[in-house]
Amino acid sequence: MSGCPFGHTGDPERPGDLNAATRPGGVAGVAPSAEAATGKTPDDGAPAQARSALSRRGLLSLAGVGGAGAVAGLAAGFLGHDAVTASAAVPVDAPVVPFFGDHQAGITTPAQDRLHMAAFDVTTEDRKELVKLLKDWTAAAEAMTAGRATGETGAVDGPYDAPPEDTGEALDLEAAKLTLTFGFGAGLFEKDGKVRFGLDGKRPEALIDLPHFPGDDLQPARTGGDLVVQACADDPQVAVHAIRNLARIGFGKVRVRWSQLGFGRTSSTSRAQVTARNLFGFKDGTNNLKVEDSSLLDEHVWVQSGNRAQENWMAGGSYLVARRIQMHIEIWDRTSLRDQEGLIGRTKGAGAPLSGGDEFTAPDFTTTGRNGDPLIPMDSHVRIAHPDQNGGVRMLRRGYNFTDGSDGLGHLDAGLFFIAFVKDPRTHYVPMQLALAKNDALSIEYLKHTGSGLFAVPPGVKKGGFIGEGLFA
């Protein structure tokens, strides 16, 4: 057997799992405490925000995602495959993520544990009203990401006989690393053949109508939208509060088209984070782009100035692909471990490619077993989705697990809410998804896409500016 350093005694053709003691984070993947990682106790005199992890909700967040205290252990665990600079470049343990910047937060930001994403239809046709909404949303987003209430008087300090300017469910909660990321759908530019808001010629060529991929079962109520807001946080109530208040501020100008709650991130966007697992139990996003990969981000995520001057408002932005993917959980749970690993192309425990090595070993698609068949099957997910099979293009993923009750037939309505940021969906998403839909046994047998959206995400907001300001200049 070649290329299989982790031999498994029960199955010589399958690489074995890494020993628990070698996993990032310590014995059996248990994260060290915040005190152990930082060398500080709760009484070290740090300001209240810096002690957010010590609040009740902070402790719950630590229990759910491994905690800020795990950063040191994770970094040490990853040193074997890549130098770690996230501790210097990314404030993975800071309770507040800055809203202003060259790029919008919530893209390369270390992925938080919770998601609330909502798409809106714009009901007004008045350009001035739309611009005012974006300005109001900017002010509210800056306040909420800093842990403050919306409006001048917040939830309890305004006139007693008037509705509060903030709904109040996030009172006494920390910012919980809240990020709000905004995007524009094709319907903002034109609808029913008519140009909207004076944006003639401003729709980027890359903001296409996604094709209908084989196997799609898209539901109109879960698809499309003129605007989208991605709220990510380590506290679900903080994320829900953010979307709720943006919808409240937009009353009379926008209405919610669809929304999605997510838990348990399925991608890591920093090397200071351990690779997460999806609802099939496999590590997801091992080969994801990371915040430390600045040159790769420029190549695959960030939009550059284009040939059309009308599109330069997108320079420094990206494109967000959202796909609601229902997993056939019950069928998967009756599938053998051998078949599960063959469908994915990796071991379930360690996440190593079936060609051998550890999680971060590059897959060897030429290695064969005793019977001459490739150790990584030809129709496996890893093979078909790998950059080597897709012209080298890559994407930055920020997906989340979801469970939305039952589908009415006694099956869980659960799966992956796929989110990816790409430089150009025509080259960095559509070809790969077509290949997966046609040839990936996992996609054909165990997944069903029920919702979809593509949005142009403008660059970050400068102080004094507003979301998408360049579009309306």
Protein backbone atom coordinates (compact mmCIF):
# COMPACT_ATOMS: atom_id res chain seq x y z
CA MET A 1 0.00 0.00 0.00
CA SER A 2 1.43 3.36 -1.00
CA GLY A 3 0.85 6.79 0.50
CA CYS A 4 -0.85 5.47 3.67
CA PRO A 5 1.25 6.26 6.77
CA PHE A 6 -1.74 5.88 9.13
CA GLY A 7 -2.53 2.23 8.50
CA HIS A 8 -5.78 0.93 10.05
CA THR A 9 -5.59 -2.64 11.30
CA GLY A 10 -9.19 -3.39 10.41
CA ASP A 11 -8.94 -2.03 6.87
CA PRO A 12 -5.51 -1.76 5.25
CA GLU A 13 -6.96 0.28 2.38
CA ARG A 14 -8.17 3.08 4.68
CA PRO A 15 -5.90 5.61 6.42
CA GLY A 16 -6.37 5.61 10.18
CA ASP A 17 -7.49 8.55 12.30
CA LEU A 18 -5.09 10.84 14.09
CA ASN A 19 -4.63 10.03 17.74
CA ALA A 20 -6.71 12.27 19.99
CA ALA A 21 -3.58 13.57 21.67
CA THR A 22 -2.36 15.03 18.38
CA ARG A 23 -5.51 17.00 17.68
CA PRO A 24 -5.29 20.78 17.98
CA GLY A 25 -6.61 21.95 21.33
CA GLY A 26 -5.19 19.21 23.55
CA VAL A 27 -6.39 15.79 24.70
CA ALA A 28 -9.35 14.59 22.65
CA GLY A 29 -9.74 18.07 21.20
CA VAL A 30 -10.66 19.65 24.56
CA ALA A 31 -9.84 23.36 24.53
CA PRO A 32 -7.81 24.86 27.40
CA SER A 33 -9.56 27.44 29.55
CA ALA A 34 -9.43 31.12 28.76
CA GLU A 35 -7.28 31.64 31.84
CA ALA A 36 -4.81 28.96 30.74
CA ALA A 37 -4.46 30.46 27.26
CA THR A 38 -4.10 34.08 28.29
CA GLY A 39 -2.39 33.70 31.64
CA LYS A 40 -4.99 36.05 33.14
CA THR A 41 -7.78 35.53 35.63
CA PRO A 42 -11.19 37.22 35.61
CA ASP A 43 -9.90 39.77 38.13
CA ASP A 44 -6.89 41.02 36.15
CA GLY A 45 -8.46 44.45 35.86
CA ALA A 46 -9.39 44.19 32.18
CA PRO A 47 -12.29 46.37 31.03
CA ALA A 48 -15.77 44.85 30.92
CA GLN A 49 -15.73 44.26 27.15
CA ALA A 50 -12.42 42.44 27.31
CA ARG A 51 -13.92 40.13 29.94
CA SER A 52 -16.89 39.22 27.74
CA ALA A 53 -15.92 35.55 27.69
CA LEU A 54 -16.56 35.44 31.44
CA SER A 55 -20.22 36.39 31.20
CA ARG A 56 -22.82 33.62 31.22
CA ARG A 57 -23.36 33.93 27.48
CA GLY A 58 -19.61 34.17 26.92
CA LEU A 59 -19.09 30.92 28.77
CA LEU A 60 -21.79 29.25 26.68
CA SER A 61 -20.09 30.51 23.54
CA LEU A 62 -16.77 29.10 24.72
CA ALA A 63 -18.40 25.75 25.35
CA GLY A 64 -19.95 25.78 21.90
CA VAL A 65 -17.00 26.72 19.71
CA GLY A 66 -13.88 25.80 21.64
CA GLY A 67 -13.50 29.34 22.93
CA ALA A 68 -11.03 32.12 22.54
CA GLY A 69 -8.81 30.27 24.93
CA ALA A 70 -8.31 27.54 22.36
CA VAL A 71 -6.42 29.87 20.04
CA ALA A 72 -2.99 29.23 21.48
CA GLY A 73 -3.46 25.47 21.42
CA LEU A 74 -4.84 25.53 17.90
CA ALA A 75 -1.99 27.66 16.64
CA ALA A 76 0.51 25.26 18.12
CA GLY A 77 -1.31 22.34 16.58
CA PHE A 78 -1.20 23.85 13.11
CA LEU A 79 2.46 24.89 13.12
CA GLY A 80 3.34 21.59 11.51
CA HIS A 81 1.75 22.57 8.21
CA ASP A 82 1.71 26.36 8.06
CA ALA A 83 3.23 29.28 9.92
CA VAL A 84 0.55 30.93 12.03
CA THR A 85 0.27 34.69 11.97
CA ALA A 86 -3.39 35.05 12.90
CA SER A 87 -2.54 35.94 16.49
CA ALA A 88 -0.83 39.07 15.20
CA ALA A 89 -3.11 39.86 12.26
CA VAL A 90 -6.60 38.79 13.38
CA PRO A 91 -8.15 39.59 16.77
CA VAL A 92 -9.77 36.17 17.10
CA ASP A 93 -10.48 36.69 20.80
CA ALA A 94 -11.66 40.32 20.64
CA PRO A 95 -15.36 40.81 21.48
CA VAL A 96 -15.73 43.65 18.94
CA VAL A 97 -14.95 43.43 15.22
CA PRO A 98 -14.47 46.90 13.64
CA PHE A 99 -17.22 47.84 11.22
CA PHE A 100 -15.25 50.34 9.13
CA GLY A 101 -12.43 49.23 6.83
CA ASP A 102 -11.23 48.63 3.29
CA HIS A 103 -13.30 45.44 3.07
CA GLN A 104 -16.55 44.60 4.79
CA ALA A 105 -16.25 42.57 7.97
CA GLY A 106 -17.75 39.09 7.96
CA ILE A 107 -15.75 37.84 4.97
CA THR A 108 -12.22 37.13 6.17
CA THR A 109 -13.21 37.69 9.81
CA PRO A 110 -12.56 34.48 11.76
CA ALA A 111 -15.88 32.67 11.34
CA GLN A 112 -18.23 33.05 14.28
CA ASP A 113 -20.47 30.28 15.59
CA ARG A 114 -23.91 31.63 14.65
CA LEU A 115 -25.60 33.04 11.57
CA HIS A 116 -28.76 34.96 10.76
CA MET A 117 -28.93 35.88 7.09
CA ALA A 118 -31.85 37.71 5.50
CA ALA A 119 -32.64 38.80 1.97
CA PHE A 120 -34.95 41.76 1.36
CA ASP A 121 -37.07 42.96 -1.53
CA VAL A 122 -36.95 46.74 -1.93
CA THR A 123 -40.52 48.01 -2.05
CA THR A 124 -39.83 51.71 -2.57
CA GLU A 125 -38.94 53.03 -6.03
CA ASP A 126 -37.55 56.30 -4.67
CA ARG A 127 -33.76 56.55 -5.00
CA LYS A 128 -33.52 59.06 -2.14
CA GLU A 129 -35.43 56.73 0.18
CA LEU A 130 -33.12 53.84 -0.73
CA VAL A 131 -30.00 55.93 -0.07
CA LYS A 132 -31.43 57.10 3.27
CA LEU A 133 -32.14 53.48 4.20
CA LEU A 134 -28.55 52.51 3.46
CA LYS A 135 -27.31 55.42 5.56
CA ASP A 136 -29.61 54.44 8.42
CA TRP A 137 -28.50 50.83 8.14
CA THR A 138 -24.86 51.95 8.23
CA ALA A 139 -25.38 53.88 11.47
CA ALA A 140 -27.28 50.99 13.04
CA ALA A 141 -24.70 48.43 11.93
CA GLU A 142 -21.82 50.45 13.34
CA ALA A 143 -23.65 50.75 16.67
CA MET A 144 -24.69 47.11 16.97
CA THR A 145 -21.29 45.69 15.98
CA ALA A 146 -19.80 47.84 18.74
CA GLY A 147 -22.29 46.43 21.25
CA ARG A 148 -24.51 49.51 21.41
CA ALA A 149 -28.24 49.89 20.85
CA THR A 150 -29.63 51.44 17.67
CA GLY A 151 -30.90 55.01 17.52
CA GLU A 152 -30.15 57.93 19.81
CA THR A 153 -32.35 56.72 22.67
CA GLY A 154 -32.01 52.94 22.33
CA ALA A 155 -34.49 50.53 23.88
CA VAL A 156 -35.50 52.27 27.14
CA ASP A 157 -34.45 55.93 27.16
CA GLY A 158 -36.85 57.39 24.60
CA PRO A 159 -40.33 58.90 24.98
CA TYR A 160 -42.57 56.65 27.08
CA ASP A 161 -45.48 56.86 24.63
CA ALA A 162 -43.44 56.17 21.48
CA PRO A 163 -41.98 52.92 20.11
CA PRO A 164 -38.37 52.42 21.26
CA GLU A 165 -35.56 52.93 18.74
CA ASP A 166 -34.13 49.51 19.60
CA THR A 167 -36.03 46.28 20.25
CA GLY A 168 -34.04 45.57 23.40
CA GLU A 169 -33.37 41.83 23.35
CA ALA A 170 -29.60 42.47 23.19
CA LEU A 171 -29.54 44.73 26.25
CA ASP A 172 -26.81 43.62 28.68
CA LEU A 173 -25.23 41.36 26.04
CA GLU A 174 -21.74 41.81 24.64
CA ALA A 175 -21.13 42.48 20.93
CA ALA A 176 -20.17 38.79 20.62
CA LYS A 177 -17.96 39.50 17.56
CA LEU A 178 -21.03 40.58 15.56
CA THR A 179 -20.35 41.36 11.92
CA LEU A 180 -22.87 42.65 9.39
CA THR A 181 -22.11 42.14 5.70
CA PHE A 182 -24.30 43.75 3.03
CA GLY A 183 -24.85 42.79 -0.59
CA PHE A 184 -26.89 43.87 -3.62
CA GLY A 185 -28.89 41.46 -5.77
CA ALA A 186 -29.67 41.81 -9.45
CA GLY A 187 -33.20 43.00 -8.62
CA LEU A 188 -31.82 46.20 -7.14
CA PHE A 189 -30.61 47.24 -10.59
CA GLU A 190 -33.50 46.16 -12.76
CA LYS A 191 -36.78 44.33 -12.37
CA ASP A 192 -39.40 43.32 -14.88
CA GLY A 193 -37.25 44.80 -17.63
CA LYS A 194 -37.08 48.24 -16.01
CA VAL A 195 -33.98 49.97 -14.64
CA ARG A 196 -34.32 50.93 -10.99
CA PHE A 197 -32.98 53.83 -8.92
CA GLY A 198 -31.09 55.40 -11.83
CA LEU A 199 -28.58 52.54 -11.84
CA ASP A 200 -28.54 52.03 -15.60
CA GLY A 201 -25.24 50.40 -16.60
CA LYS A 202 -24.11 49.97 -12.98
CA ARG A 203 -25.00 46.27 -12.66
CA PRO A 204 -21.69 44.38 -12.73
CA GLU A 205 -21.32 41.84 -15.50
CA ALA A 206 -20.35 39.25 -12.89
CA LEU A 207 -23.69 39.69 -11.10
CA ILE A 208 -25.31 37.07 -13.30
CA ASP A 209 -28.50 35.11 -12.92
CA LEU A 210 -27.19 31.78 -11.67
CA PRO A 211 -28.08 28.89 -13.99
CA HIS A 212 -30.44 26.14 -12.94
CA PHE A 213 -28.03 23.39 -11.93
CA PRO A 214 -28.96 19.71 -12.37
CA GLY A 215 -30.86 18.49 -9.34
CA ASP A 216 -31.89 21.96 -8.15
CA ASP A 217 -35.26 22.07 -6.40
CA LEU A 218 -35.27 25.80 -5.67
CA GLN A 219 -38.16 27.30 -3.76
CA PRO A 220 -39.02 30.88 -4.80
CA ALA A 221 -39.56 31.87 -1.16
CA ARG A 222 -35.95 30.87 -0.39
CA THR A 223 -34.34 32.32 -3.52
CA GLY A 224 -33.20 35.73 -4.77
CA GLY A 225 -33.59 39.12 -3.15
CA ASP A 226 -32.65 42.75 -3.88
CA LEU A 227 -30.55 43.18 -0.72
CA VAL A 228 -28.93 40.71 1.61
CA VAL A 229 -27.53 41.06 5.13
CA GLN A 230 -25.31 38.43 6.71
CA ALA A 231 -25.19 38.68 10.50
CA CYS A 232 -22.60 36.47 12.19
CA ALA A 233 -21.92 36.40 15.94
CA ASP A 234 -20.96 34.05 18.74
CA ASP A 235 -24.33 34.68 20.40
CA PRO A 236 -27.47 33.76 18.42
CA GLN A 237 -29.55 36.42 20.13
CA VAL A 238 -27.11 39.12 19.06
CA ALA A 239 -27.33 37.99 15.43
CA VAL A 240 -31.13 37.80 15.47
CA HIS A 241 -31.34 41.20 17.15
CA ALA A 242 -29.26 42.73 14.37
CA ILE A 243 -31.44 41.46 11.51
CA ARG A 244 -34.62 42.29 13.42
CA ASN A 245 -33.59 45.90 13.91
CA LEU A 246 -32.46 46.38 10.32
CA ALA A 247 -35.85 45.04 9.19
CA ARG A 248 -37.57 47.41 11.64
CA ILE A 249 -35.60 50.39 10.33
CA GLY A 250 -36.47 49.38 6.77
CA PHE A 251 -40.22 49.18 7.37
CA GLY A 252 -42.05 50.72 4.41
CA LYS A 253 -38.99 50.54 2.17
CA VAL A 254 -38.08 46.84 2.26
CA ARG A 255 -39.67 43.55 3.24
CA VAL A 256 -38.02 40.29 4.18
CA ARG A 257 -38.00 37.82 1.30
CA TRP A 258 -36.31 34.97 3.17
CA SER A 259 -34.13 34.43 6.19
CA GLN A 260 -31.97 31.61 7.49
CA LEU A 261 -30.62 30.78 10.93
CA GLY A 262 -27.40 28.80 11.13
CA PHE A 263 -25.37 27.21 13.89
CA GLY A 264 -22.02 25.51 14.05
CA ARG A 265 -19.82 27.08 11.38
CA THR A 266 -18.69 24.63 8.70
CA SER A 267 -15.62 26.53 7.59
CA SER A 268 -12.55 28.05 9.16
CA THR A 269 -11.39 31.41 7.82
CA SER A 270 -8.25 31.64 9.96
CA ARG A 271 -5.50 29.18 10.80
CA ALA A 272 -6.16 29.99 14.45
CA GLN A 273 -9.41 28.01 14.11
CA VAL A 274 -9.85 24.26 14.08
CA THR A 275 -11.65 22.78 11.08
CA ALA A 276 -15.35 22.39 11.87
CA ARG A 277 -17.71 19.55 10.95
CA ASN A 278 -20.92 19.44 8.93
CA LEU A 279 -24.04 17.42 9.77
CA PHE A 280 -22.62 14.38 7.93
CA GLY A 281 -19.95 14.33 10.63
CA PHE A 282 -17.04 15.18 8.32
CA LYS A 283 -14.58 18.04 8.60
CA ASP A 284 -15.67 20.74 6.19
CA GLY A 285 -13.56 23.37 4.47
CA THR A 286 -10.10 21.94 5.19
CA ASN A 287 -8.71 23.54 2.04
CA ASN A 288 -10.56 26.83 2.58
CA LEU A 289 -8.87 30.15 1.92
CA LYS A 290 -7.73 31.86 5.12
CA VAL A 291 -7.30 35.47 6.21
CA GLU A 292 -3.55 34.86 6.30
CA ASP A 293 -3.52 34.11 2.54
CA SER A 294 -3.47 37.75 1.40
CA SER A 295 -2.15 37.07 -2.10
CA LEU A 296 -4.66 34.27 -2.66
CA LEU A 297 -7.47 36.49 -1.42
CA ASP A 298 -6.47 39.11 -3.98
CA GLU A 299 -6.49 36.43 -6.66
CA HIS A 300 -9.72 34.66 -5.77
CA VAL A 301 -11.90 36.83 -3.48
CA TRP A 302 -11.42 40.58 -3.87
CA VAL A 303 -12.70 42.36 -6.97
CA GLN A 304 -10.15 44.58 -8.72
CA SER A 305 -10.80 47.68 -10.80
CA GLY A 306 -12.32 46.53 -14.07
CA ASN A 307 -12.40 47.61 -17.67
CA ARG A 308 -15.82 49.19 -17.24
CA ALA A 309 -15.70 52.42 -15.26
CA GLN A 310 -19.32 51.81 -14.24
CA GLU A 311 -18.17 48.80 -12.19
CA ASN A 312 -15.31 50.42 -10.30
CA TRP A 313 -17.64 50.89 -7.30
CA MET A 314 -17.08 47.17 -6.67
CA ALA A 315 -13.27 47.39 -6.38
CA GLY A 316 -12.35 45.91 -3.01
CA GLY A 317 -15.64 44.06 -2.80
CA SER A 318 -16.59 40.46 -3.52
CA TYR A 319 -19.51 38.28 -4.63
CA LEU A 320 -21.55 36.27 -2.14
CA VAL A 321 -23.03 32.95 -3.22
CA ALA A 322 -25.68 31.55 -0.86
CA ARG A 323 -27.15 28.06 -1.35
CA ARG A 324 -29.52 26.30 1.03
CA ILE A 325 -28.58 22.61 0.76
CA GLN A 326 -30.87 20.08 2.38
CA MET A 327 -29.09 16.88 3.42
CA HIS A 328 -30.82 13.51 3.27
CA ILE A 329 -29.85 12.83 6.86
CA GLU A 330 -31.78 9.59 7.36
CA ILE A 331 -30.34 7.95 4.23
CA TRP A 332 -26.83 9.04 5.17
CA ASP A 333 -27.17 7.61 8.67
CA ARG A 334 -27.84 4.17 7.15
CA THR A 335 -24.77 4.34 4.89
CA SER A 336 -21.66 2.35 5.84
CA LEU A 337 -18.58 4.18 7.06
CA ARG A 338 -16.63 2.80 4.08
CA ASP A 339 -19.15 4.26 1.66
CA GLN A 340 -19.36 7.57 3.55
CA GLU A 341 -15.59 8.02 3.34
CA GLY A 342 -15.59 7.02 -0.32
CA LEU A 343 -18.27 9.60 -1.11
CA ILE A 344 -16.33 12.37 0.63
CA GLY A 345 -12.80 11.22 -0.25
CA ARG A 346 -11.50 11.74 3.30
CA THR A 347 -11.46 9.83 6.57
CA LYS A 348 -14.29 10.74 8.90
CA GLY A 349 -12.21 11.03 12.04
CA ALA A 350 -9.02 12.83 11.10
CA GLY A 351 -10.20 14.34 7.84
CA ALA A 352 -7.16 12.97 6.00
CA PRO A 353 -7.43 12.31 2.25
CA LEU A 354 -7.93 8.63 1.48
CA SER A 355 -4.62 8.71 -0.37
CA GLY A 356 -2.89 9.03 3.00
CA GLY A 357 -1.35 11.60 5.33
CA ASP A 358 -3.11 13.91 7.74
CA GLU A 359 -5.89 16.46 7.32
CA PHE A 360 -3.67 19.01 5.61
CA THR A 361 -1.85 16.60 3.31
CA ALA A 362 -2.57 17.37 -0.33
CA PRO A 363 -4.76 14.66 -1.87
CA ASP A 364 -2.96 12.37 -4.30
CA PHE A 365 -5.49 11.54 -6.98
CA THR A 366 -3.12 9.09 -8.73
CA THR A 367 -2.64 6.67 -5.82
CA THR A 368 -4.41 3.36 -6.33
CA GLY A 369 -5.27 0.41 -4.09
CA ARG A 370 -4.54 -3.27 -4.51
CA ASN A 371 -7.34 -3.64 -7.03
CA GLY A 372 -5.98 -0.80 -9.16
CA ASP A 373 -8.83 1.61 -8.36
CA PRO A 374 -7.99 5.13 -7.13
CA LEU A 375 -7.96 5.39 -3.33
CA ILE A 376 -9.86 8.67 -3.78
CA PRO A 377 -12.83 7.60 -5.93
CA MET A 378 -13.43 9.32 -9.24
CA ASP A 379 -16.88 10.52 -8.14
CA SER A 380 -15.84 11.64 -4.65
CA HIS A 381 -16.61 15.14 -3.45
CA VAL A 382 -12.97 15.99 -2.67
CA ARG A 383 -11.76 15.04 -6.14
CA ILE A 384 -14.43 16.93 -8.08
CA ALA A 385 -14.35 20.07 -5.89
CA HIS A 386 -10.55 20.29 -5.60
CA PRO A 387 -8.85 23.32 -7.22
CA ASP A 388 -6.62 20.97 -9.23
CA GLN A 389 -9.75 19.74 -11.00
CA ASN A 390 -11.17 23.24 -11.51
CA GLY A 391 -8.46 25.28 -13.18
CA GLY A 392 -6.91 26.26 -9.85
CA VAL A 393 -9.80 28.53 -8.84
CA ARG A 394 -10.66 28.75 -5.15
CA MET A 395 -13.26 30.36 -2.92
CA LEU A 396 -13.59 31.54 0.65
CA ARG A 397 -16.36 29.60 2.37
CA ARG A 398 -18.36 30.67 5.46
CA GLY A 399 -21.14 28.09 5.59
CA TYR A 400 -23.28 27.00 8.56
CA ASN A 401 -25.28 23.99 9.61
CA PHE A 402 -29.04 24.43 9.91
CA THR A 403 -32.00 22.46 11.24
CA ASP A 404 -35.45 23.81 10.43
CA GLY A 405 -37.70 21.15 11.94
CA SER A 406 -39.33 18.49 9.76
CA ASP A 407 -40.02 18.46 6.05
CA GLY A 408 -43.56 17.19 6.70
CA LEU A 409 -42.68 13.62 5.71
CA GLY A 410 -41.02 12.64 8.95
CA HIS A 411 -37.54 13.65 7.79
CA LEU A 412 -35.34 16.35 9.26
CA ASP A 413 -35.23 19.54 7.25
CA ALA A 414 -31.54 19.98 7.95
CA GLY A 415 -28.34 20.55 6.08
CA LEU A 416 -25.73 23.08 5.06
CA PHE A 417 -26.36 26.73 4.37
CA PHE A 418 -23.50 27.20 1.92
CA ILE A 419 -21.94 30.66 1.79
CA ALA A 420 -18.94 31.52 -0.37
CA PHE A 421 -17.18 34.73 -1.34
CA VAL A 422 -15.57 34.79 -4.78
CA LYS A 423 -13.96 37.28 -7.13
CA ASP A 424 -16.20 36.30 -10.04
CA PRO A 425 -18.96 33.68 -9.84
CA ARG A 426 -18.69 33.00 -13.57
CA THR A 427 -15.22 31.53 -13.12
CA HIS A 428 -14.99 30.71 -9.41
CA TYR A 429 -18.35 29.10 -8.68
CA VAL A 430 -20.54 28.14 -11.65
CA PRO A 431 -18.12 25.68 -13.36
CA MET A 432 -17.38 23.86 -10.11
CA GLN A 433 -21.04 23.63 -9.12
CA LEU A 434 -21.94 22.30 -12.55
CA ALA A 435 -19.28 19.60 -12.19
CA LEU A 436 -20.52 18.68 -8.72
CA ALA A 437 -24.15 18.55 -9.81
CA LYS A 438 -23.33 16.26 -12.73
CA ASN A 439 -20.58 14.01 -11.37
CA ASP A 440 -20.38 14.14 -7.56
CA ALA A 441 -22.07 11.06 -6.08
CA LEU A 442 -22.59 12.93 -2.80
CA SER A 443 -24.46 15.76 -4.52
CA ILE A 444 -26.53 13.43 -6.67
CA GLU A 445 -27.60 11.00 -3.95
CA TYR A 446 -27.57 12.86 -0.63
CA LEU A 447 -28.08 16.59 -1.24
CA LYS A 448 -30.88 18.80 -2.55
CA HIS A 449 -30.47 22.54 -3.21
CA THR A 450 -33.66 24.33 -2.12
CA GLY A 451 -32.58 27.98 -2.02
CA SER A 452 -30.13 30.19 -3.89
CA GLY A 453 -28.86 33.73 -4.14
CA LEU A 454 -26.03 35.75 -5.67
CA PHE A 455 -25.14 39.22 -4.39
CA ALA A 456 -22.55 41.89 -5.15
CA VAL A 457 -20.85 42.80 -1.88
CA PRO A 458 -19.39 46.31 -2.13
CA PRO A 459 -16.11 47.27 -0.45
CA GLY A 460 -15.92 48.34 3.17
CA VAL A 461 -17.34 51.55 4.55
CA LYS A 462 -15.16 54.52 5.43
CA LYS A 463 -16.04 56.66 8.44
CA GLY A 464 -18.57 59.24 7.33
CA GLY A 465 -19.65 57.09 4.39
CA PHE A 466 -22.40 54.52 3.94
CA ILE A 467 -22.91 51.03 2.55
CA GLY A 468 -22.55 50.98 -1.25
CA GLU A 469 -21.79 54.69 -1.43
CA GLY A 470 -19.73 54.25 -4.59
CA LEU A 471 -22.70 52.78 -6.42
CA PHE A 472 -24.75 55.93 -5.89
CA ALA A 473 -21.94 58.45 -6.45
